[in-house]
């Protein structure tokens, strides 16, 4: 589009915590884009201020086109490349058109508060994503930092943990991280947080306890899958997926998916692996989607209703 943009991260401590380079960009910008909270947190420099459009993706091109040729700064939370607007802008404009000046991310602050080393915990984002994605990561003694969307996320995640047998998991809610006045911490089990409202600006640190969870290595027990008898049994499934040897980012066509077991096992091997599951039976197609959600890959498995070879036309290869 010919647009370029600088993205400046702002922590919960506001303008006081913005790096000098970020401050300089903000103060000399022609246009400031951001959420209303972020726009209100920076000094008045005479720049045009514009909140993000809603819905964001549908209106983003129009906003950038209207300000083409001007110096644009986008304000973002913490590290803009941790489930943030920075990633969206790079996908849209290309990496050479986006300059990112990060603040300390909420994930880094959470690790510091918990005393968790980066290599000993996993970060899972539920921002704009299906909560069933979390199911893939649940296993005993695993440490998870979960990025949430809003205040309702605590109850939703707590119910999912209980449903998966992890009701005894220790959950620490860290809110307004980095704010000297408002940072807070609550600790309890997943079972204790069912029905409890959360906070909008928070994340969850989960120490899994209770059930064993499922391995991401191919070979889930047959009983993990809902089916009507049309199921690739465990030994065949293990042999098939291991022979296919999925690599991160690869796409599988599962033609005649049945219960979806092969394609689901493929998708579970890595978060970036994807499956297109083609099934001509409507009831089985619905079963594939339920199985994918239950096993933590609700968006990594795309279910298409139709028959081969007609429905294969035009599919991503």
Protein backbone atom coordinates (compact mmCIF):
# COMPACT_ATOMS: atom_id res chain seq x y z
CA UNK A 1 0.00 0.00 0.00
CA UNK A 2 3.04 2.28 0.21
CA UNK A 3 2.36 2.97 3.90
CA UNK A 4 4.88 2.78 6.72
CA UNK A 5 4.22 2.97 10.43
CA UNK A 6 6.04 2.98 13.78
CA UNK A 7 4.50 0.95 16.58
CA UNK A 8 5.33 2.10 20.11
CA UNK A 9 4.66 -0.16 23.09
CA UNK A 10 3.21 1.32 26.27
CA UNK A 11 3.13 -0.51 29.58
CA UNK A 12 0.65 -0.15 32.43
CA UNK A 13 2.89 2.62 33.79
CA UNK A 14 1.90 4.77 30.82
CA UNK A 15 3.98 7.56 29.32
CA UNK A 16 6.51 7.44 32.15
CA UNK A 17 7.68 4.00 31.05
CA UNK A 18 7.96 4.67 27.30
CA UNK A 19 11.51 4.36 25.99
CA UNK A 20 13.20 7.61 24.83
CA UNK A 21 13.15 6.46 21.21
CA UNK A 22 9.44 5.73 21.47
CA UNK A 23 8.76 9.14 23.04
CA UNK A 24 10.58 10.90 20.21
CA UNK A 25 8.49 9.12 17.58
CA UNK A 26 5.24 9.89 19.40
CA UNK A 27 6.03 13.59 19.85
CA UNK A 28 6.92 14.19 16.20
CA UNK A 29 4.19 12.03 14.63
CA UNK A 30 1.57 13.56 12.35
CA UNK A 31 -0.96 10.86 13.23
CA UNK A 32 -1.43 8.75 16.37
CA UNK A 33 -3.48 5.56 16.13
CA UNK A 34 -4.47 3.42 19.09
CA UNK A 35 -7.06 2.44 21.64
CA UNK A 36 -8.69 5.27 23.55
CA UNK A 37 -6.81 4.35 26.73
CA UNK A 38 -3.45 4.55 24.99
CA UNK A 39 -4.29 7.77 23.13
CA UNK A 40 -5.24 9.40 26.43
CA UNK A 41 -1.96 8.34 28.05
CA UNK A 42 0.42 10.37 25.83
CA UNK A 43 0.99 14.17 25.80
CA UNK A 44 -0.80 16.45 23.35
CA UNK A 45 1.65 17.15 20.54
CA UNK A 46 -0.81 18.50 17.99
CA UNK A 47 -0.98 15.19 16.12
CA UNK A 48 -4.21 13.88 14.67
CA UNK A 49 -5.54 11.21 17.03
CA UNK A 50 -7.66 8.38 15.71
CA UNK A 51 -8.96 5.29 17.56
CA UNK A 52 -8.66 1.94 15.84
CA UNK A 53 -11.63 1.19 13.59
CA UNK A 54 -14.12 -1.47 14.63
CA UNK A 55 -13.94 -4.08 13.22
CA UNK A 56 -10.21 -3.52 12.96
CA UNK A 57 -9.26 -5.50 9.86
CA UNK A 58 -12.18 -4.27 7.79
CA UNK A 59 -11.34 -0.62 8.43
CA UNK A 60 -7.53 -0.70 8.69
CA UNK A 61 -6.81 -0.13 5.00
CA UNK A 62 -9.10 2.90 4.88
CA UNK A 63 -7.39 4.47 7.90
CA UNK A 64 -3.91 3.98 6.44
CA UNK A 65 -5.00 5.22 3.01
CA UNK A 66 -6.43 8.43 4.49
CA UNK A 67 -3.13 9.19 6.19
CA UNK A 68 -0.82 8.09 3.39
CA UNK A 69 2.36 10.13 3.22
CA UNK A 70 2.14 11.30 6.82
CA UNK A 71 4.22 10.17 9.80
CA UNK A 72 2.09 7.53 11.57
CA UNK A 73 2.64 6.09 15.04
CA UNK A 74 0.49 3.28 16.44
CA UNK A 75 0.27 2.90 20.21
CA UNK A 76 0.10 -0.64 21.57
CA UNK A 77 0.21 -2.56 24.84
CA UNK A 78 3.62 -3.74 26.05
CA UNK A 79 5.38 -5.68 23.31
CA UNK A 80 3.32 -5.13 20.12
CA UNK A 81 4.53 -8.47 18.76
CA UNK A 82 3.05 -10.51 21.63
CA UNK A 83 -0.52 -11.07 20.38
CA UNK A 84 -0.57 -7.39 19.46
CA UNK A 85 -1.25 -4.93 16.67
CA UNK A 86 2.38 -5.09 15.54
CA UNK A 87 1.88 -8.60 14.18
CA UNK A 88 -1.30 -7.55 12.36
CA UNK A 89 0.39 -4.58 10.72
CA UNK A 90 3.39 -6.63 9.59
CA UNK A 91 1.10 -9.22 8.00
CA UNK A 92 -0.76 -6.41 6.21
CA UNK A 93 2.10 -4.09 5.21
CA UNK A 94 5.20 -6.31 5.25
CA UNK A 95 7.99 -6.32 7.80
CA UNK A 96 10.01 -3.58 6.09
CA UNK A 97 7.12 -1.12 6.44
CA UNK A 98 6.68 -1.54 10.21
CA UNK A 99 9.14 -0.34 12.85
CA UNK A 100 8.47 -1.68 16.34
CA UNK A 101 9.67 -0.10 19.60
CA UNK A 102 8.52 -2.49 22.34
CA UNK A 103 7.95 -2.00 26.01
CA UNK A 104 8.41 -4.89 28.43
CA UNK A 105 5.75 -7.46 27.56
CA UNK A 106 3.12 -8.62 30.00
CA UNK A 107 4.51 -12.14 29.53
CA UNK A 108 7.99 -11.06 30.67
CA UNK A 109 6.48 -9.25 33.66
CA UNK A 110 4.40 -12.31 34.53
CA UNK A 111 7.46 -14.58 34.44
CA UNK A 112 9.28 -12.13 36.72
CA UNK A 113 6.39 -12.09 39.22
CA UNK A 114 6.13 -15.89 39.20
CA UNK A 115 9.87 -16.60 39.13
CA UNK A 116 9.44 -18.76 36.03
CA UNK A 117 12.24 -19.18 33.52
CA UNK A 118 11.19 -18.62 29.91
CA UNK A 119 12.35 -22.11 28.91
CA UNK A 120 10.21 -23.74 31.62
CA UNK A 121 6.81 -22.36 30.69
CA UNK A 122 4.59 -22.01 27.64
CA UNK A 123 2.67 -18.94 26.50
CA UNK A 124 -0.81 -19.50 25.04
CA UNK A 125 -2.82 -16.63 23.62
CA UNK A 126 -6.60 -16.70 23.68
CA UNK A 127 -6.89 -13.13 22.37
CA UNK A 128 -9.31 -13.38 19.47
CA UNK A 129 -8.99 -17.18 19.52
CA UNK A 130 -11.12 -20.16 20.40
CA UNK A 131 -10.68 -21.08 24.07
CA UNK A 132 -10.57 -24.78 23.10
CA UNK A 133 -7.04 -24.10 21.80
CA UNK A 134 -5.92 -24.31 25.43
CA UNK A 135 -6.83 -28.02 25.59
CA UNK A 136 -3.81 -28.94 23.45
CA UNK A 137 -1.40 -27.60 26.09
CA UNK A 138 -2.82 -29.24 29.20
CA UNK A 139 -0.64 -31.85 30.87
CA UNK A 140 0.35 -32.49 34.46
CA UNK A 141 2.99 -30.19 35.99
CA UNK A 142 3.08 -27.93 32.93
CA UNK A 143 3.31 -24.18 33.49
CA UNK A 144 1.23 -21.98 31.20
CA UNK A 145 0.94 -18.22 30.81
CA UNK A 146 -2.43 -17.57 29.21
CA UNK A 147 -3.19 -14.23 27.54
CA UNK A 148 -6.89 -13.46 27.88
CA UNK A 149 -9.37 -11.27 26.02
CA UNK A 150 -11.49 -9.73 28.77
CA UNK A 151 -12.99 -10.14 32.25
CA UNK A 152 -15.09 -13.14 31.19
CA UNK A 153 -12.03 -15.21 30.28
CA UNK A 154 -11.27 -16.31 33.85
CA UNK A 155 -14.57 -18.15 34.24
CA UNK A 156 -14.34 -19.64 30.74
CA UNK A 157 -10.80 -20.95 31.32
CA UNK A 158 -11.63 -22.21 34.82
CA UNK A 159 -14.59 -24.22 33.47
CA UNK A 160 -12.44 -25.69 30.70
CA UNK A 161 -9.77 -26.75 33.20
CA UNK A 162 -12.38 -28.43 35.41
CA UNK A 163 -13.89 -30.12 32.34
CA UNK A 164 -10.47 -31.54 31.42
CA UNK A 165 -9.79 -32.86 34.91
CA UNK A 166 -7.52 -30.01 35.98
CA UNK A 167 -9.81 -28.50 38.63
CA UNK A 168 -6.92 -28.64 41.13
CA UNK A 169 -4.67 -26.54 38.88
CA UNK A 170 -3.21 -23.51 40.67
CA UNK A 171 -4.27 -20.33 38.87
CA UNK A 172 -2.61 -16.96 39.52
CA UNK A 173 -4.39 -13.92 38.09
CA UNK A 174 -2.02 -11.02 37.44
CA UNK A 175 -3.77 -7.74 36.60
CA UNK A 176 -2.47 -4.35 35.45
CA UNK A 177 1.10 -5.62 35.37
CA UNK A 178 3.63 -2.83 35.64
CA UNK A 179 1.27 -0.32 37.23
CA UNK A 180 2.55 0.88 40.59
CA UNK A 181 -0.95 1.89 41.71
CA UNK A 182 -3.17 -0.86 40.31
CA UNK A 183 -1.15 -4.08 39.88
CA UNK A 184 -2.86 -6.96 41.68
CA UNK A 185 -2.58 -10.69 42.23
CA UNK A 186 -5.14 -13.36 43.07
CA UNK A 187 -4.40 -17.04 43.61
CA UNK A 188 -6.70 -20.06 43.78
CA UNK A 189 -7.56 -23.34 42.10
CA UNK A 190 -9.38 -23.54 38.80
CA UNK A 191 -12.36 -25.02 40.62
CA UNK A 192 -12.48 -22.01 42.96
CA UNK A 193 -12.54 -19.55 40.07
CA UNK A 194 -15.54 -21.04 38.25
CA UNK A 195 -18.16 -18.30 38.07
CA UNK A 196 -15.77 -15.64 39.39
CA UNK A 197 -15.41 -12.43 37.32
CA UNK A 198 -11.92 -11.54 36.17
CA UNK A 199 -10.26 -8.29 35.18
CA UNK A 200 -10.02 -6.78 31.70
CA UNK A 201 -6.24 -6.18 31.83
CA UNK A 202 -5.02 -9.48 33.20
CA UNK A 203 -3.39 -12.76 32.31
CA UNK A 204 -3.45 -16.19 33.93
CA UNK A 205 -0.49 -18.22 35.17
CA UNK A 206 -1.54 -21.86 35.40
CA UNK A 207 0.29 -24.67 37.14
CA UNK A 208 -1.43 -27.79 35.83
CA UNK A 209 -2.41 -30.40 38.40
CA UNK A 210 -4.91 -33.23 38.46
CA UNK A 211 -5.29 -35.15 35.20
CA UNK A 212 -2.39 -36.45 33.13
CA UNK A 213 -3.48 -34.72 29.93
CA UNK A 214 -2.81 -35.98 26.41
CA UNK A 215 0.51 -36.29 24.63
CA UNK A 216 1.01 -34.39 21.37
CA UNK A 217 2.88 -37.41 20.01
CA UNK A 218 0.60 -39.32 17.56
CA UNK A 219 -1.25 -42.25 19.10
CA UNK A 220 -4.10 -40.92 21.19
CA UNK A 221 -6.32 -43.67 22.61
CA UNK A 222 -9.27 -44.49 20.36
CA UNK A 223 -11.68 -43.44 23.10
CA UNK A 224 -10.48 -39.82 22.75
CA UNK A 225 -12.47 -39.62 19.52
CA UNK A 226 -16.21 -39.50 19.05
CA UNK A 227 -17.05 -41.72 16.07
CA UNK A 228 -19.70 -43.92 14.43
CA UNK A 229 -17.28 -46.76 13.71
CA UNK A 230 -15.49 -44.88 10.93
CA UNK A 231 -12.20 -44.39 12.77
CA UNK A 232 -8.57 -45.07 11.87
CA UNK A 233 -7.56 -47.26 14.79
CA UNK A 234 -4.59 -46.31 16.93
CA UNK A 235 -1.85 -48.54 15.34
CA UNK A 236 -2.83 -47.48 11.80
CA UNK A 237 -3.05 -43.81 12.86
CA UNK A 238 0.39 -43.86 14.49
CA UNK A 239 1.93 -45.47 11.41
CA UNK A 240 0.20 -43.04 9.05
CA UNK A 241 1.07 -39.81 10.86
CA UNK A 242 4.63 -40.87 11.61
CA UNK A 243 5.18 -41.93 7.99
CA UNK A 244 3.86 -38.54 6.84
CA UNK A 245 6.36 -36.91 9.27
CA UNK A 246 4.67 -33.53 9.72
CA UNK A 247 6.95 -30.53 9.90
CA UNK A 248 5.98 -27.15 11.43
CA UNK A 249 3.78 -25.10 9.13
CA UNK A 250 2.80 -27.95 6.82
CA UNK A 251 -0.76 -28.54 5.56
CA UNK A 252 -2.43 -31.96 5.28
CA UNK A 253 -5.46 -32.88 3.18
CA UNK A 254 -7.45 -35.57 5.04
CA UNK A 255 -9.77 -36.79 2.28
CA UNK A 256 -12.65 -38.85 3.59
CA UNK A 257 -11.93 -37.73 7.13
CA UNK A 258 -14.41 -39.98 8.96
CA UNK A 259 -13.90 -39.00 12.62
CA UNK A 260 -10.97 -36.76 11.65
CA UNK A 261 -8.44 -38.69 13.74
CA UNK A 262 -5.49 -38.63 11.32
CA UNK A 263 -5.85 -34.94 10.52
CA UNK A 264 -6.34 -34.04 14.17
CA UNK A 265 -3.27 -35.99 15.25
CA UNK A 266 -1.32 -34.22 12.48
CA UNK A 267 -2.46 -30.79 13.70
CA UNK A 268 -1.60 -31.58 17.32
CA UNK A 269 2.08 -32.23 16.52
CA UNK A 270 2.80 -28.49 16.22
CA UNK A 271 0.65 -25.35 16.66
CA UNK A 272 1.50 -24.26 13.10
CA UNK A 273 0.46 -27.53 11.44
CA UNK A 274 -2.92 -27.41 9.72
CA UNK A 275 -5.40 -29.84 8.23
CA UNK A 276 -8.16 -29.54 5.66
CA UNK A 277 -10.58 -32.34 6.53
CA UNK A 278 -12.85 -33.26 3.61
CA UNK A 279 -15.94 -35.30 4.49
CA UNK A 280 -19.07 -35.84 2.39
CA UNK A 281 -21.25 -37.10 5.27
CA UNK A 282 -22.72 -34.06 7.14
CA UNK A 283 -22.98 -35.91 10.46
CA UNK A 284 -19.37 -37.04 10.30
CA UNK A 285 -18.22 -33.55 9.29
CA UNK A 286 -19.81 -32.20 12.47
CA UNK A 287 -18.12 -34.96 14.46
CA UNK A 288 -14.72 -34.00 13.05
CA UNK A 289 -15.21 -30.41 14.24
CA UNK A 290 -16.27 -31.54 17.71
CA UNK A 291 -13.26 -33.86 17.96
CA UNK A 292 -10.92 -31.09 16.82
CA UNK A 293 -12.28 -28.73 19.48
CA UNK A 294 -12.17 -31.33 22.23
CA UNK A 295 -8.54 -32.15 21.40
CA UNK A 296 -7.32 -28.55 21.26
CA UNK A 297 -7.06 -27.82 17.52
CA UNK A 298 -10.39 -26.06 16.78
CA UNK A 299 -8.97 -23.67 14.21
CA UNK A 300 -6.05 -25.76 12.95
CA UNK A 301 -8.50 -28.25 11.42
CA UNK A 302 -10.73 -26.79 8.72
CA UNK A 303 -13.68 -29.05 7.95
CA UNK A 304 -15.13 -28.98 4.42
CA UNK A 305 -18.34 -30.76 3.48
CA UNK A 306 -18.08 -32.37 0.07
CA UNK A 307 -16.72 -35.25 -1.96
CA UNK A 308 -13.52 -35.87 -3.88
CA UNK A 309 -12.41 -34.98 -6.43
CA UNK A 310 -14.91 -32.14 -6.96
CA UNK A 311 -14.38 -30.45 -3.60
CA UNK A 312 -10.60 -30.47 -3.99
CA UNK A 313 -10.68 -27.84 -6.70
CA UNK A 314 -9.05 -24.58 -5.62
CA UNK A 315 -7.90 -25.78 -2.20
CA UNK A 316 -4.64 -24.52 -0.77
CA UNK A 317 -2.01 -27.16 -1.51
